[in-house]
Amino acid sequence: MAKNIYTTDAPLSCPTLEKLSKKEQEMLFDAFEKAIELAEKAGFSEAEIFQFFEDVIDVRASEQILDKMERAREKPMSLEEFKASI
């Protein structure tokens, strides 16, 4: 179990473990262990399950942005326009 994790390059909006209460830290470690347990049960590696979580987070963020754009009546940029802009 990864008890000594220190995040040095996390965004400012991401709390580091030492800033959380002991109870909050225990809850996060329990969730981590549960995710690993479920991944193993399903035949996934740790990397795959956490990539899945990252993908879910990205999808939720995208949905929030699209919802905000819809409320503001903005038209989403096409993929072609986006690629051209980067």
Protein backbone atom coordinates (compact mmCIF):
# COMPACT_ATOMS: atom_id res chain seq x y z
CA MET A 1 0.00 0.00 0.00
CA ALA A 2 1.36 3.42 -0.99
CA LYS A 3 1.28 5.28 2.32
CA ASN A 4 3.99 7.88 1.61
CA ILE A 5 2.87 9.72 -1.50
CA TYR A 6 4.02 13.28 -2.08
CA THR A 7 2.77 15.21 -5.09
CA THR A 8 5.35 17.73 -6.25
CA ASP A 9 3.87 18.75 -9.58
CA ALA A 10 0.14 18.64 -8.85
CA PRO A 11 -1.97 21.61 -9.90
CA LEU A 12 -2.80 24.09 -7.14
CA SER A 13 -6.42 22.90 -7.15
CA CYS A 14 -5.27 19.37 -6.25
CA PRO A 15 -4.87 18.89 -2.48
CA THR A 16 -1.79 17.02 -1.39
CA LEU A 17 -2.19 14.25 1.14
CA GLU A 18 -0.46 16.10 3.94
CA LYS A 19 -3.07 18.88 3.66
CA LEU A 20 -5.93 16.43 4.19
CA SER A 21 -7.18 15.26 7.55
CA LYS A 22 -6.22 11.78 8.71
CA LYS A 23 -9.80 10.63 8.03
CA GLU A 24 -9.73 12.06 4.49
CA GLN A 25 -6.36 10.39 3.83
CA GLU A 26 -7.71 7.06 5.05
CA MET A 27 -10.76 7.44 2.80
CA LEU A 28 -8.53 8.08 -0.23
CA PHE A 29 -6.29 5.12 0.57
CA ASP A 30 -9.36 2.90 1.01
CA ALA A 31 -10.69 4.06 -2.38
CA PHE A 32 -7.28 3.40 -3.94
CA GLU A 33 -7.13 -0.10 -2.48
CA LYS A 34 -10.69 -0.81 -3.61
CA ALA A 35 -9.86 0.33 -7.16
CA ILE A 36 -6.80 -1.93 -7.24
CA GLU A 37 -8.83 -4.85 -5.87
CA LEU A 38 -11.57 -4.36 -8.47
CA ALA A 39 -9.03 -4.00 -11.27
CA GLU A 40 -7.37 -7.26 -10.31
CA LYS A 41 -10.75 -8.99 -10.08
CA ALA A 42 -11.62 -7.75 -13.59
CA GLY A 43 -8.22 -8.72 -14.98
CA PHE A 44 -6.96 -5.16 -15.47
CA SER A 45 -3.58 -3.83 -14.50
CA GLU A 46 -3.28 -0.90 -12.09
CA ALA A 47 -2.22 1.29 -15.00
CA GLU A 48 -5.33 0.35 -16.99
CA ILE A 49 -7.77 1.08 -14.16
CA PHE A 50 -6.20 4.44 -13.42
CA GLN A 51 -6.14 5.31 -17.13
CA PHE A 52 -9.87 4.54 -17.10
CA PHE A 53 -10.36 6.93 -14.16
CA GLU A 54 -8.40 9.62 -15.96
CA ASP A 55 -10.51 9.11 -19.08
CA VAL A 56 -13.73 9.40 -17.04
CA ILE A 57 -12.47 12.64 -15.50
CA ASP A 58 -11.65 14.00 -18.97
CA VAL A 59 -15.10 13.06 -20.30
CA ARG A 60 -16.82 14.74 -17.34
CA ALA A 61 -14.76 17.89 -17.85
CA SER A 62 -15.64 17.91 -21.56
CA GLU A 63 -19.34 17.49 -20.76
CA GLN A 64 -19.20 20.40 -18.30
CA ILE A 65 -17.54 22.62 -20.90
CA LEU A 66 -20.11 21.68 -23.54
CA ASP A 67 -22.96 22.33 -21.08
CA LYS A 68 -21.52 25.73 -20.26
CA MET A 69 -21.16 26.55 -23.95
CA GLU A 70 -24.73 25.46 -24.59
CA ARG A 71 -26.04 27.71 -21.81
CA ALA A 72 -24.03 30.60 -23.27
CA ARG A 73 -25.30 29.68 -26.75
CA GLU A 74 -21.73 29.27 -28.00
CA LYS A 75 -20.97 26.97 -30.88
CA PRO A 76 -18.34 24.29 -30.14
CA MET A 77 -15.19 24.43 -32.25
CA SER A 78 -14.94 21.63 -34.80
CA LEU A 79 -12.14 19.11 -34.47
CA GLU A 80 -10.58 20.44 -37.67
CA GLU A 81 -10.61 24.01 -36.31
CA PHE A 82 -9.11 22.81 -33.04
CA LYS A 83 -6.32 20.90 -34.77
CA ALA A 84 -5.55 23.93 -36.91
CA SER A 85 -5.32 26.15 -33.84
CA ILE A 86 -2.71 24.03 -32.08
